[in-house]
């Protein structure tokens, strides 16, 4: 006699998973391999997801941390997070074939920083120290021209050349609520500070956080599919916890689920960071169905139609 599986309502976030910038970056690597053959080198993880990176490695991509690890005679691709100006400059000096897979929304922030600098404004960047996107954005300007703040507390001690001549930009994958608090603190301390024409936090980050906010009060636990070095995925875990969800967990794959922690849960939320493929979401759903009688409810808070083209160099004949 089989024991009936306990019932579970699964609230599935929409949108979730791949954003247009991640999808474009992966296609860039795949198209480069088709055009030039293996190996193609990639500086830094193209996106922060081990499953994706391993899949591209199997096709012939070689991932390195620095340009000095690449030979001159093979193509190199710069990750979706963006790179300092010095990186393409070095590649050009070495006469390398290189393709920039920087997300266009990150490139927008780079352009904003450059324009503010040209207008004589010192930049303050809201971001996470050491994150490749932050390193890339700060590297658009000479050393010392960009000051980093990570928290509201940092705002109180940040030193600028002229409080009347400053502007701010942000990392695209931050918590909407945290960033709003930091911006408010900057505006209170520096009333003349200039902000971006349009919010720097990208549409995908915003949409995924809104979906989690809608689900969090309905569930006892939230699973976020994503990598531990993925900023936008970690923010989803935090957003769930702050919006009424008692337990929120980041998992790379179904095998990472702590089943003891969610024992007895009858309503669970599921989403995925912008660099997590849908196949890993389905893997988690299958794992839940193996243990529960699952009823799936979709929670859709936005519909995304954004698409970015791959660079022209990859669309031209070899």
Protein backbone atom coordinates (compact mmCIF):
# COMPACT_ATOMS: atom_id res chain seq x y z
CA UNK A 1 0.00 0.00 0.00
CA UNK A 2 1.50 3.32 -1.08
CA UNK A 3 1.41 6.33 1.19
CA UNK A 4 -0.22 9.40 -0.34
CA UNK A 5 2.15 12.24 -1.00
CA UNK A 6 1.56 15.37 1.10
CA UNK A 7 -0.07 18.22 -0.82
CA UNK A 8 2.02 21.21 -1.85
CA UNK A 9 1.01 24.41 -3.59
CA UNK A 10 3.86 25.70 -5.73
CA UNK A 11 3.73 29.39 -6.61
CA UNK A 12 5.85 29.81 -9.72
CA UNK A 13 7.20 33.30 -10.38
CA UNK A 14 6.87 34.92 -13.78
CA UNK A 15 9.05 36.37 -15.05
CA UNK A 16 12.01 34.31 -13.85
CA UNK A 17 15.31 33.02 -15.19
CA UNK A 18 17.23 34.26 -18.23
CA UNK A 19 17.11 37.95 -19.07
CA UNK A 20 17.84 39.36 -22.52
CA UNK A 21 21.41 40.30 -21.61
CA UNK A 22 22.24 36.78 -20.39
CA UNK A 23 20.58 35.16 -23.39
CA UNK A 24 22.60 37.43 -25.71
CA UNK A 25 25.88 36.70 -23.91
CA UNK A 26 25.43 32.93 -24.19
CA UNK A 27 24.51 33.23 -27.88
CA UNK A 28 27.66 35.29 -28.42
CA UNK A 29 29.86 32.47 -27.11
CA UNK A 30 27.97 29.82 -29.08
CA UNK A 31 28.09 31.87 -32.28
CA UNK A 32 31.79 32.63 -31.82
CA UNK A 33 32.48 28.88 -31.52
CA UNK A 34 30.50 28.25 -34.70
CA UNK A 35 32.32 31.02 -36.56
CA UNK A 36 35.92 30.53 -35.40
CA UNK A 37 35.89 27.01 -33.97
CA UNK A 38 37.29 25.93 -30.62
CA UNK A 39 38.90 27.11 -28.53
CA UNK A 40 37.31 30.48 -27.93
CA UNK A 41 38.45 32.21 -24.74
CA UNK A 42 36.10 33.97 -22.34
CA UNK A 43 37.38 36.46 -19.78
CA UNK A 44 35.53 35.73 -16.53
CA UNK A 45 32.38 33.58 -16.37
CA UNK A 46 30.19 34.72 -19.26
CA UNK A 47 27.28 34.71 -16.78
CA UNK A 48 27.22 33.60 -13.16
CA UNK A 49 25.91 30.07 -13.53
CA UNK A 50 27.99 26.88 -13.30
CA UNK A 51 25.56 24.82 -15.40
CA UNK A 52 25.76 27.34 -18.24
CA UNK A 53 29.53 27.70 -17.99
CA UNK A 54 30.07 23.94 -17.93
CA UNK A 55 27.85 23.56 -21.00
CA UNK A 56 29.91 26.11 -22.91
CA UNK A 57 33.17 24.49 -21.77
CA UNK A 58 31.93 21.23 -23.28
CA UNK A 59 31.49 23.04 -26.61
CA UNK A 60 35.04 24.41 -26.57
CA UNK A 61 34.95 27.64 -24.57
CA UNK A 62 37.92 28.25 -22.27
CA UNK A 63 37.23 30.47 -19.26
CA UNK A 64 40.02 32.58 -17.80
CA UNK A 65 40.17 35.37 -15.25
CA UNK A 66 42.51 37.77 -17.02
CA UNK A 67 43.40 38.67 -20.59
CA UNK A 68 47.03 37.70 -19.95
CA UNK A 69 45.81 34.09 -19.76
CA UNK A 70 44.66 34.24 -23.40
CA UNK A 71 46.84 33.60 -26.48
CA UNK A 72 47.04 36.37 -29.07
CA UNK A 73 45.83 34.17 -31.94
CA UNK A 74 42.45 33.05 -30.57
CA UNK A 75 39.24 35.08 -30.12
CA UNK A 76 38.34 36.30 -26.65
CA UNK A 77 34.94 37.33 -25.33
CA UNK A 78 34.30 39.74 -22.47
CA UNK A 79 31.58 38.69 -20.02
CA UNK A 80 28.07 40.13 -19.73
CA UNK A 81 29.10 42.00 -16.56
CA UNK A 82 31.33 44.43 -18.45
CA UNK A 83 35.04 45.17 -18.20
CA UNK A 84 37.23 48.18 -17.41
CA UNK A 85 38.33 50.23 -20.43
CA UNK A 86 41.86 48.92 -19.99
CA UNK A 87 40.81 45.40 -21.06
CA UNK A 88 39.69 46.08 -24.66
CA UNK A 89 42.58 48.54 -24.95
CA UNK A 90 45.03 45.76 -24.10
CA UNK A 91 43.29 43.36 -26.50
CA UNK A 92 43.54 45.92 -29.30
CA UNK A 93 47.22 46.53 -28.54
CA UNK A 94 47.82 42.78 -28.85
CA UNK A 95 45.84 42.75 -32.13
CA UNK A 96 43.46 40.14 -30.73
CA UNK A 97 40.02 39.33 -32.08
CA UNK A 98 37.67 40.23 -29.25
CA UNK A 99 33.91 40.42 -28.80
CA UNK A 100 32.29 42.44 -26.05
CA UNK A 101 29.31 40.57 -24.54
CA UNK A 102 28.61 43.31 -21.98
CA UNK A 103 24.86 43.57 -21.39
CA UNK A 104 23.56 46.69 -23.20
CA UNK A 105 21.94 47.84 -19.95
CA UNK A 106 25.33 47.72 -18.24
CA UNK A 107 26.84 49.58 -21.19
CA UNK A 108 24.18 52.24 -20.63
CA UNK A 109 25.55 52.78 -17.12
CA UNK A 110 29.09 53.01 -18.53
CA UNK A 111 27.97 55.73 -20.95
CA UNK A 112 26.21 57.63 -18.16
CA UNK A 113 29.37 57.60 -16.05
CA UNK A 114 31.45 58.89 -18.95
CA UNK A 115 28.98 61.69 -19.74
CA UNK A 116 28.87 62.85 -16.14
CA UNK A 117 32.67 62.84 -16.01
CA UNK A 118 32.82 64.89 -19.22
CA UNK A 119 30.54 67.41 -17.52
CA UNK A 120 33.01 67.68 -14.64
CA UNK A 121 31.08 65.60 -12.14
CA UNK A 122 32.73 63.12 -9.81
CA UNK A 123 30.99 59.74 -9.78
CA UNK A 124 29.59 57.83 -6.83
CA UNK A 125 28.78 54.22 -7.62
CA UNK A 126 26.26 52.23 -5.60
CA UNK A 127 27.35 48.61 -5.87
CA UNK A 128 29.06 45.60 -4.33
CA UNK A 129 32.82 45.77 -3.89
CA UNK A 130 34.62 43.16 -5.96
CA UNK A 131 31.66 42.30 -8.19
CA UNK A 132 32.80 42.21 -11.84
CA UNK A 133 30.09 44.66 -12.91
CA UNK A 134 31.20 47.18 -10.29
CA UNK A 135 34.84 46.71 -11.30
CA UNK A 136 33.91 47.21 -14.96
CA UNK A 137 31.84 50.34 -14.37
CA UNK A 138 34.40 51.97 -12.08
CA UNK A 139 37.05 51.10 -14.66
CA UNK A 140 35.40 53.31 -17.27
CA UNK A 141 37.02 56.33 -15.59
CA UNK A 142 40.54 57.00 -14.26
CA UNK A 143 41.41 55.63 -10.80
CA UNK A 144 39.96 57.80 -8.04
CA UNK A 145 37.27 59.37 -10.23
CA UNK A 146 34.63 56.93 -8.98
CA UNK A 147 33.84 56.43 -5.28
CA UNK A 148 32.03 53.26 -4.20
CA UNK A 149 29.26 53.11 -1.60
CA UNK A 150 27.66 49.81 -0.59
CA UNK A 151 25.36 50.79 2.27
CA UNK A 152 23.47 53.71 3.78
CA UNK A 153 26.18 53.81 6.46
CA UNK A 154 28.84 54.36 3.79
CA UNK A 155 27.09 57.54 2.67
CA UNK A 156 27.82 59.24 5.99
CA UNK A 157 31.59 58.85 5.58
CA UNK A 158 32.11 59.04 1.83
CA UNK A 159 34.51 61.83 0.78
CA UNK A 160 34.06 63.73 -2.48
CA UNK A 161 36.04 66.52 -4.13
CA UNK A 162 33.12 68.95 -4.42
CA UNK A 163 29.65 68.16 -2.97
CA UNK A 164 28.12 70.47 -5.59
CA UNK A 165 29.65 68.53 -8.51
CA UNK A 166 28.78 64.85 -8.10
CA UNK A 167 26.53 62.25 -9.74
CA UNK A 168 25.65 58.65 -9.00
CA UNK A 169 25.17 55.43 -10.95
CA UNK A 170 24.28 51.97 -9.68
CA UNK A 171 25.03 48.34 -10.34
CA UNK A 172 22.16 46.90 -12.39
CA UNK A 173 21.45 43.90 -10.12
CA UNK A 174 20.86 45.51 -6.72
CA UNK A 175 17.90 45.30 -4.37
CA UNK A 176 15.39 47.96 -5.41
CA UNK A 177 14.53 48.78 -1.79
CA UNK A 178 18.13 48.86 -0.54
CA UNK A 179 19.18 51.09 -3.41
CA UNK A 180 16.28 53.48 -2.80
CA UNK A 181 17.48 53.89 0.78
CA UNK A 182 21.06 54.61 -0.30
CA UNK A 183 19.91 57.09 -2.94
CA UNK A 184 17.75 58.88 -0.36
CA UNK A 185 20.75 59.11 1.97
CA UNK A 186 22.93 60.51 -0.83
CA UNK A 187 20.30 63.09 -1.75
CA UNK A 188 19.94 64.13 1.89
CA UNK A 189 23.69 64.63 2.31
CA UNK A 190 24.35 65.98 -1.20
CA UNK A 191 21.26 67.87 -2.41
CA UNK A 192 22.96 68.77 -5.70
CA UNK A 193 23.75 65.16 -6.65
CA UNK A 194 22.71 64.18 -10.19
CA UNK A 195 21.05 60.84 -10.84
CA UNK A 196 20.61 58.76 -14.01
CA UNK A 197 18.00 59.77 -16.59
CA UNK A 198 16.43 56.33 -16.11
CA UNK A 199 16.96 53.99 -13.17
CA UNK A 200 20.10 51.89 -13.58
CA UNK A 201 18.68 48.75 -11.95
CA UNK A 202 17.70 46.71 -14.98
CA UNK A 203 14.18 45.67 -15.97
CA UNK A 204 14.91 41.98 -15.31
CA UNK A 205 16.17 42.56 -11.78
CA UNK A 206 13.17 44.77 -11.06
CA UNK A 207 10.62 42.37 -12.54
CA UNK A 208 12.00 39.33 -10.71
CA UNK A 209 11.98 41.16 -7.39
CA UNK A 210 8.39 42.32 -7.92
CA UNK A 211 7.29 38.74 -8.62
CA UNK A 212 8.98 37.51 -5.44
CA UNK A 213 7.30 40.29 -3.44
CA UNK A 214 3.93 39.11 -4.75
CA UNK A 215 4.61 35.48 -3.79
CA UNK A 216 6.42 35.88 -0.44
CA UNK A 217 3.34 36.55 1.76
CA UNK A 218 1.58 33.47 0.31
CA UNK A 219 4.27 30.88 1.11
CA UNK A 220 6.19 29.36 3.98
CA UNK A 221 9.37 28.91 1.95
CA UNK A 222 10.96 30.33 -1.20
CA UNK A 223 13.45 28.56 -3.45
CA UNK A 224 15.62 30.74 -5.67
CA UNK A 225 17.51 28.92 -8.41
CA UNK A 226 20.82 30.69 -8.93
CA UNK A 227 24.53 30.73 -8.28
CA UNK A 228 26.13 31.87 -5.01
CA UNK A 229 28.14 34.50 -6.93
CA UNK A 230 25.05 35.82 -8.73
CA UNK A 231 24.15 39.22 -7.28
CA UNK A 232 20.61 39.33 -8.67
CA UNK A 233 19.87 35.80 -7.38
CA UNK A 234 21.06 36.60 -3.85
CA UNK A 235 18.91 39.73 -3.87
CA UNK A 236 15.84 37.58 -4.60
CA UNK A 237 16.54 35.52 -1.47
CA UNK A 238 16.73 38.73 0.58
CA UNK A 239 13.58 40.18 -0.98
CA UNK A 240 11.59 37.06 -0.09
CA UNK A 241 12.79 37.15 3.50
CA UNK A 242 11.91 40.82 3.86
CA UNK A 243 8.42 40.43 2.43
CA UNK A 244 6.87 37.83 4.69
CA UNK A 245 8.50 34.53 3.73
CA UNK A 246 9.72 32.62 6.78
CA UNK A 247 12.40 30.63 4.95
CA UNK A 248 14.26 31.57 1.76
CA UNK A 249 16.94 29.43 0.14
CA UNK A 250 19.36 29.83 -2.78
CA UNK A 251 19.93 26.56 -4.67
CA UNK A 252 22.08 25.95 -7.72
CA UNK A 253 20.27 22.72 -8.56
CA UNK A 254 17.61 20.43 -7.11
CA UNK A 255 20.32 18.45 -5.34
CA UNK A 256 21.03 21.49 -3.14
CA UNK A 257 17.55 21.62 -1.59
CA UNK A 258 17.59 21.18 2.18
CA UNK A 259 14.52 18.95 2.50
CA UNK A 260 14.62 18.94 6.29
CA UNK A 261 14.32 22.72 6.34
CA UNK A 262 11.10 22.64 4.31
CA UNK A 263 9.56 19.55 5.89
CA UNK A 264 5.87 20.13 6.55
CA UNK A 265 5.69 23.16 4.26
CA UNK A 266 2.43 23.30 2.32
CA UNK A 267 3.04 26.38 0.17
CA UNK A 268 6.34 27.15 -1.50
CA UNK A 269 7.53 29.78 -3.97
CA UNK A 270 9.95 29.17 -6.81
CA UNK A 271 11.88 31.63 -8.94
CA UNK A 272 15.22 31.84 -10.71
CA UNK A 273 17.87 34.52 -11.06
CA UNK A 274 18.51 36.15 -14.41
CA UNK A 275 21.43 33.83 -15.23
CA UNK A 276 19.69 30.54 -14.32
CA UNK A 277 18.31 28.43 -17.21
CA UNK A 278 14.74 27.11 -17.18
CA UNK A 279 15.98 23.52 -17.26
CA UNK A 280 17.20 23.94 -13.67
CA UNK A 281 13.79 25.31 -12.63
CA UNK A 282 12.15 22.24 -14.15
CA UNK A 283 14.62 20.05 -12.29
CA UNK A 284 13.49 21.59 -8.99
CA UNK A 285 9.81 21.18 -9.93
CA UNK A 286 10.40 17.50 -10.71
CA UNK A 287 12.15 17.04 -7.35
CA UNK A 288 9.20 18.64 -5.55
CA UNK A 289 6.73 16.45 -7.45
CA UNK A 290 8.67 13.34 -6.48
CA UNK A 291 7.93 14.09 -2.83
CA UNK A 292 4.62 15.95 -2.93
CA UNK A 293 1.29 16.12 -4.66
CA UNK A 294 2.03 19.46 -6.33
CA UNK A 295 -0.47 22.05 -7.51
CA UNK A 296 1.23 24.75 -9.57
CA UNK A 297 -0.03 28.33 -9.51
CA UNK A 298 1.64 30.88 -11.78
CA UNK A 299 2.16 34.36 -10.34
CA UNK A 300 2.80 36.67 -13.29
CA UNK A 301 3.62 40.29 -12.49
CA UNK A 302 5.13 41.35 -15.84
CA UNK A 303 5.57 40.17 -19.42
CA UNK A 304 9.01 40.64 -20.97
CA UNK A 305 9.63 41.13 -24.69
CA UNK A 306 13.17 42.53 -24.56
CA UNK A 307 15.70 41.12 -27.03
CA UNK A 308 19.27 42.24 -27.75
CA UNK A 309 21.08 41.50 -31.00
CA UNK A 310 24.49 39.88 -31.03
CA UNK A 311 27.40 42.09 -32.23
CA UNK A 312 27.73 42.65 -35.98
CA UNK A 313 31.15 41.00 -36.12
CA UNK A 314 29.43 37.67 -35.36
CA UNK A 315 26.73 38.23 -37.96
CA UNK A 316 29.24 38.81 -40.75
CA UNK A 317 30.79 35.95 -42.79
CA UNK A 318 34.05 34.57 -41.43
